[in-house]
C-alpha atoms as a PDB file:
ATOM      1  CA  MET A   1     -33.520 -15.051   1.600  1.00  0.00           C
ATOM      2  CA  GLY A   2     -30.454 -16.694   0.107  1.00  0.00           C
ATOM      3  CA  GLU A   3     -27.465 -17.938   2.029  1.00  0.00           C
ATOM      4  CA  ILE A   4     -25.235 -15.194   3.426  1.00  0.00           C
ATOM      5  CA  ARG A   5     -21.637 -15.638   2.347  1.00  0.00           C
ATOM      6  CA  SER A   6     -18.681 -13.657   3.563  1.00  0.00           C
ATOM      7  CA  GLY A   7     -16.425 -11.847   1.125  1.00  0.00           C
ATOM      8  CA  TRP A   8     -12.638 -11.820   1.058  1.00  0.00           C
ATOM      9  CA  GLU A   9     -11.416 -11.852   4.646  1.00  0.00           C
ATOM     10  CA  GLY A  10      -7.754 -11.118   4.021  1.00  0.00           C
ATOM     11  CA  ARG A  11      -4.747 -13.200   4.999  1.00  0.00           C
ATOM     12  CA  PHE A  12      -3.810 -14.217   8.504  1.00  0.00           C
ATOM     13  CA  PHE A  13      -0.333 -14.882   9.841  1.00  0.00           C
ATOM     14  CA  GLU A  14      -0.438 -18.598   9.083  1.00  0.00           C
ATOM     15  CA  ASP A  15      -1.324 -17.896   5.411  1.00  0.00           C
ATOM     16  CA  PHE A  16       2.023 -16.256   4.593  1.00  0.00           C
ATOM     17  CA  ARG A  17       4.968 -18.146   3.086  1.00  0.00           C
ATOM     18  CA  ALA A  18       8.393 -16.699   2.256  1.00  0.00           C
ATOM     19  CA  GLY A  19       8.675 -16.202  -1.496  1.00  0.00           C
ATOM     20  CA  ASP A  20       4.950 -15.718  -2.124  1.00  0.00           C
ATOM     21  CA  ILE A  21       4.152 -12.694  -4.309  1.00  0.00           C
ATOM     22  CA  TYR A  22       0.784 -10.948  -4.188  1.00  0.00           C
ATOM     23  CA  ARG A  23      -0.142  -8.663  -7.071  1.00  0.00           C
ATOM     24  CA  CYS A  24      -2.763  -6.035  -6.397  1.00  0.00           C
ATOM     25  CA  ARG A  25      -5.756  -6.754  -8.607  1.00  0.00           C
ATOM     26  CA  TYR A  26      -6.266  -3.155  -9.727  1.00  0.00           C
ATOM     27  CA  GLY A  27      -4.295  -0.099 -10.822  1.00  0.00           C
ATOM     28  CA  ARG A  28      -4.644   3.416  -9.423  1.00  0.00           C
ATOM     29  CA  THR A  29      -4.290   6.483 -11.630  1.00  0.00           C
ATOM     30  CA  VAL A  30      -2.857   9.446  -9.719  1.00  0.00           C
ATOM     31  CA  THR A  31      -4.498  12.676 -10.814  1.00  0.00           C
ATOM     32  CA  GLU A  32      -3.130  16.174 -10.633  1.00  0.00           C
ATOM     33  CA  ALA A  33      -5.874  16.981  -8.105  1.00  0.00           C
ATOM     34  CA  ASP A  34      -4.800  14.032  -5.890  1.00  0.00           C
ATOM     35  CA  ASN A  35      -1.249  15.322  -5.953  1.00  0.00           C
ATOM     36  CA  ILE A  36      -2.070  18.966  -5.217  1.00  0.00           C
ATOM     37  CA  GLN A  37      -4.476  18.111  -2.385  1.00  0.00           C
ATOM     38  CA  PHE A  38      -2.021  15.725  -0.720  1.00  0.00           C
ATOM     39  CA  THR A  39       0.874  18.146  -1.134  1.00  0.00           C
ATOM     40  CA  LEU A  40      -1.042  21.036   0.417  1.00  0.00           C
ATOM     41  CA  LEU A  41      -2.559  18.812   3.127  1.00  0.00           C
ATOM     42  CA  THR A  42       0.949  17.850   4.239  1.00  0.00           C
ATOM     43  CA  ASN A  43       2.345  21.408   3.977  1.00  0.00           C
ATOM     44  CA  ASN A  44       4.917  20.386   1.385  1.00  0.00           C
ATOM     45  CA  THR A  45       5.878  23.675  -0.254  1.00  0.00           C
ATOM     46  CA  ASN A  46       8.132  22.250  -2.988  1.00  0.00           C
ATOM     47  CA  GLN A  47       6.710  23.794  -6.163  1.00  0.00           C
ATOM     48  CA  ILE A  48       7.632  20.735  -8.245  1.00  0.00           C
ATOM     49  CA  HIS A  49       4.439  19.165  -6.846  1.00  0.00           C
ATOM     50  CA  PHE A  50       1.856  21.889  -7.544  1.00  0.00           C
ATOM     51  CA  ASN A  51       3.206  24.572  -9.911  1.00  0.00           C
ATOM     52  CA  ARG A  52       2.833  23.399 -13.518  1.00  0.00           C
ATOM     53  CA  ASP A  53       4.967  26.256 -14.908  1.00  0.00           C
ATOM     54  CA  TYR A  54       7.772  25.405 -12.482  1.00  0.00           C
ATOM     55  CA  GLY A  55       7.500  21.691 -13.297  1.00  0.00           C
ATOM     56  CA  GLU A  56       7.584  22.266 -17.056  1.00  0.00           C
ATOM     57  CA  ARG A  57      10.850  24.193 -16.653  1.00  0.00           C
ATOM     58  CA  SER A  58      12.407  21.368 -14.612  1.00  0.00           C
ATOM     59  CA  GLU A  59      14.434  18.454 -15.974  1.00  0.00           C
ATOM     60  CA  PHE A  60      11.236  16.357 -15.745  1.00  0.00           C
ATOM     61  CA  GLY A  61       9.131  18.677 -17.931  1.00  0.00           C
ATOM     62  CA  SER A  62       6.182  18.207 -15.580  1.00  0.00           C
ATOM     63  CA  THR A  63       5.115  18.435 -11.997  1.00  0.00           C
ATOM     64  CA  LEU A  64       5.992  15.329  -9.973  1.00  0.00           C
ATOM     65  CA  VAL A  65       3.704  13.322  -7.752  1.00  0.00           C
ATOM     66  CA  ASN A  66       4.668  13.787  -4.114  1.00  0.00           C
ATOM     67  CA  SER A  67       6.786  10.765  -3.172  1.00  0.00           C
ATOM     68  CA  VAL A  68       4.963  10.347   0.143  1.00  0.00           C
ATOM     69  CA  LEU A  69       1.677  10.110  -1.791  1.00  0.00           C
ATOM     70  CA  THR A  70       3.244   7.417  -3.977  1.00  0.00           C
ATOM     71  CA  LEU A  71       4.298   5.559  -0.815  1.00  0.00           C
ATOM     72  CA  ALA A  72       0.804   5.907   0.672  1.00  0.00           C
ATOM     73  CA  ILE A  73      -1.006   4.704  -2.456  1.00  0.00           C
ATOM     74  CA  VAL A  74       1.272   1.727  -3.072  1.00  0.00           C
ATOM     75  CA  THR A  75       1.120   0.767   0.619  1.00  0.00           C
ATOM     76  CA  GLY A  76      -2.670   0.991   0.514  1.00  0.00           C
ATOM     77  CA  MET A  77      -2.864  -1.163  -2.592  1.00  0.00           C
ATOM     78  CA  GLY A  78      -1.364  -4.044  -0.616  1.00  0.00           C
ATOM     79  CA  VAL A  79      -3.597  -3.846   2.450  1.00  0.00           C
ATOM     80  CA  ALA A  80      -6.167  -6.412   1.254  1.00  0.00           C
ATOM     81  CA  ASP A  81      -3.412  -8.930   0.561  1.00  0.00           C
ATOM     82  CA  VAL A  82      -1.001  -8.248   3.401  1.00  0.00           C
ATOM     83  CA  SER A  83      -2.242  -6.192   6.334  1.00  0.00           C
ATOM     84  CA  GLU A  84      -6.026  -6.510   6.383  1.00  0.00           C
ATOM     85  CA  HIS A  85      -5.591  -8.157   9.817  1.00  0.00           C
ATOM     86  CA  GLY A  86      -2.533  -6.371  11.063  1.00  0.00           C
ATOM     87  CA  PHE A  87      -0.718  -3.131  11.571  1.00  0.00           C
ATOM     88  CA  ALA A  88       2.544  -1.638  10.404  1.00  0.00           C
ATOM     89  CA  LEU A  89       5.606  -1.877  12.594  1.00  0.00           C
ATOM     90  CA  GLY A  90       7.795   0.132  10.229  1.00  0.00           C
ATOM     91  CA  TRP A  91       9.064   0.908   6.746  1.00  0.00           C
ATOM     92  CA  ASP A  92      12.655   0.521   5.589  1.00  0.00           C
ATOM     93  CA  LYS A  93      14.817   0.862   2.475  1.00  0.00           C
ATOM     94  CA  ILE A  94      12.443   3.159   0.584  1.00  0.00           C
ATOM     95  CA  GLU A  95      13.756   3.724  -2.945  1.00  0.00           C
ATOM     96  CA  LEU A  96      12.279   5.916  -5.697  1.00  0.00           C
ATOM     97  CA  PRO A  97      14.156   4.941  -8.891  1.00  0.00           C
ATOM     98  CA  ASN A  98      11.812   6.733 -11.328  1.00  0.00           C
ATOM     99  CA  PRO A  99       9.461   9.713 -10.936  1.00  0.00           C
ATOM    100  CA  VAL A 100       5.683   9.437 -10.879  1.00  0.00           C
ATOM    101  CA  LEU A 101       3.907  12.059 -12.979  1.00  0.00           C
ATOM    102  CA  PRO A 102       0.282  13.172 -12.691  1.00  0.00           C
ATOM    103  CA  GLY A 103      -1.755  10.837 -14.890  1.00  0.00           C
ATOM    104  CA  ASP A 104       0.476   7.812 -14.251  1.00  0.00           C
ATOM    105  CA  THR A 105      -1.265   4.616 -13.188  1.00  0.00           C
ATOM    106  CA  LEU A 106       0.350   2.706 -10.340  1.00  0.00           C
ATOM    107  CA  TYR A 107       0.402  -1.083  -9.941  1.00  0.00           C
ATOM    108  CA  SER A 108       1.918  -2.994  -7.050  1.00  0.00           C
ATOM    109  CA  GLU A 109       3.140  -6.370  -5.948  1.00  0.00           C
ATOM    110  CA  THR A 110       4.298  -7.524  -2.549  1.00  0.00           C
ATOM    111  CA  GLU A 111       6.733 -10.335  -1.828  1.00  0.00           C
ATOM    112  CA  VAL A 112       6.897 -12.116   1.514  1.00  0.00           C
ATOM    113  CA  LEU A 113      10.521 -12.103   2.667  1.00  0.00           C
ATOM    114  CA  GLN A 114      10.081 -13.967   5.956  1.00  0.00           C
ATOM    115  CA  THR A 115       7.695 -14.659   8.808  1.00  0.00           C
ATOM    116  CA  ARG A 116       8.268 -15.216  12.500  1.00  0.00           C
ATOM    117  CA  GLU A 117       6.265 -15.624  15.648  1.00  0.00           C
ATOM    118  CA  SER A 118       5.901 -12.435  17.676  1.00  0.00           C
ATOM    119  CA  ARG A 119       8.072 -12.436  20.785  1.00  0.00           C
ATOM    120  CA  SER A 120       5.592 -10.274  22.699  1.00  0.00           C
ATOM    121  CA  ARG A 121       2.164 -11.264  21.326  1.00  0.00           C
ATOM    122  CA  ALA A 122       1.191 -14.928  21.171  1.00  0.00           C
ATOM    123  CA  THR A 123      -1.901 -14.094  19.091  1.00  0.00           C
ATOM    124  CA  GLN A 124       0.114 -12.523  16.262  1.00  0.00           C
ATOM    125  CA  GLY A 125       3.176 -12.943  14.097  1.00  0.00           C
ATOM    126  CA  VAL A 126       5.504 -10.633  12.172  1.00  0.00           C
ATOM    127  CA  VAL A 127       5.562 -10.676   8.375  1.00  0.00           C
ATOM    128  CA  GLU A 128       8.509  -9.006   6.607  1.00  0.00           C
ATOM    129  CA  ILE A 129       7.658  -7.917   3.068  1.00  0.00           C
ATOM    130  CA  GLU A 130       9.009  -6.014   0.091  1.00  0.00           C
ATOM    131  CA  THR A 131       6.547  -4.007  -1.965  1.00  0.00           C
ATOM    132  CA  ARG A 132       7.261  -2.792  -5.480  1.00  0.00           C
ATOM    133  CA  GLY A 133       5.259  -0.187  -7.376  1.00  0.00           C
ATOM    134  CA  TYR A 134       5.276   0.195 -11.152  1.00  0.00           C
ATOM    135  CA  ASN A 135       3.816   2.696 -13.582  1.00  0.00           C
ATOM    136  CA  GLN A 136       1.743   1.807 -16.649  1.00  0.00           C
ATOM    137  CA  ARG A 137       4.938   1.326 -18.674  1.00  0.00           C
ATOM    138  CA  GLY A 138       6.231  -1.283 -16.216  1.00  0.00           C
ATOM    139  CA  GLU A 139       8.939   1.025 -14.830  1.00  0.00           C
ATOM    140  CA  LEU A 140       9.760   0.524 -11.162  1.00  0.00           C
ATOM    141  CA  VAL A 141       8.808   3.769  -9.385  1.00  0.00           C
ATOM    142  CA  ILE A 142       9.029   2.718  -5.733  1.00  0.00           C
ATOM    143  CA  ARG A 143      10.364  -0.173  -3.685  1.00  0.00           C
ATOM    144  CA  PHE A 144      10.294  -0.529   0.080  1.00  0.00           C
ATOM    145  CA  GLN A 145      10.370  -3.076   2.851  1.00  0.00           C
ATOM    146  CA  ARG A 146       7.851  -3.221   5.629  1.00  0.00           C
ATOM    147  CA  SER A 147       7.271  -5.153   8.841  1.00  0.00           C
ATOM    148  CA  VAL A 148       3.669  -5.974   9.673  1.00  0.00           C
ATOM    149  CA  MET A 149       2.226  -7.501  12.849  1.00  0.00           C
ATOM    150  CA  VAL A 150      -0.549  -9.835  11.650  1.00  0.00           C
ATOM    151  CA  TYR A 151      -3.192 -11.649  13.682  1.00  0.00           C
ATOM    152  CA  LYS A 152      -3.434 -15.413  13.695  1.00  0.00           C
ATOM    153  CA  ARG A 153      -6.790 -16.565  12.346  1.00  0.00           C
ATOM    154  CA  ALA A 154      -8.173 -17.818  15.671  1.00  0.00           C
ATOM    155  CA  HIS A 155      -7.453 -14.487  17.378  1.00  0.00           C
ATOM    156  CA  ALA A 156      -8.492 -11.879  14.802  1.00  0.00           C
ATOM    157  CA  PRO A 157     -11.004  -9.398  16.214  1.00  0.00           C
ATOM    158  CA  GLY A 158     -14.181  -8.387  14.468  1.00  0.00           C
ATOM    159  CA  LEU A 159     -14.522 -10.943  11.687  1.00  0.00           C
ATOM    160  CA  ASP A 160     -18.259 -11.136  12.286  1.00  0.00           C
ATOM    161  CA  ILE A 161     -18.986  -7.421  12.615  1.00  0.00           C
ATOM    162  CA  PHE A 162     -22.148  -6.633  10.681  1.00  0.00           C
ATOM    163  CA  PRO A 163     -25.228  -4.941  12.152  1.00  0.00           C
ATOM    164  CA  GLU A 164     -28.370  -7.037  12.406  1.00  0.00           C
ATOM    165  CA  PRO A 165     -30.707  -5.564   9.763  1.00  0.00           C
ATOM    166  CA  LEU A 166     -33.945  -4.129  11.117  1.00  0.00           C
ATOM    167  CA  SER A 167     -36.681  -6.049   9.332  1.00  0.00           C
END
């Protein structure tokens, strides 16, 4: 058997530097089905999200992707780079300057604004970030700030979790 090598392990608190920008390595196309399922799952009854006839009569000429779905997708796109070893403390300053339409492909980048040691957890630190999401035309569709509590490398749980294969 060859040598076992670990894959990407994500960033730890000490890996972050103010001013660093991480671009997600893939895009995510939001389908009409994604939008309808999320909208109905969250009991959002605004017809602009699931009634094509209604959407076509609107100023947008189309249904719109639920803004909370846009937030969820763009947040998720940054997990591998930012919060693989942490958890969210909060979101702030959420802006939606342009609509997302079904069929749009989202791209994201996250900028580190600042880092600081946690006052309550010696094994972790707080990373303040701004995430920006763009559509396939490069138009900014969402921007938000987030605070993430991130483990320090020496204290991250579960880095070696993998079941021992049975012969």
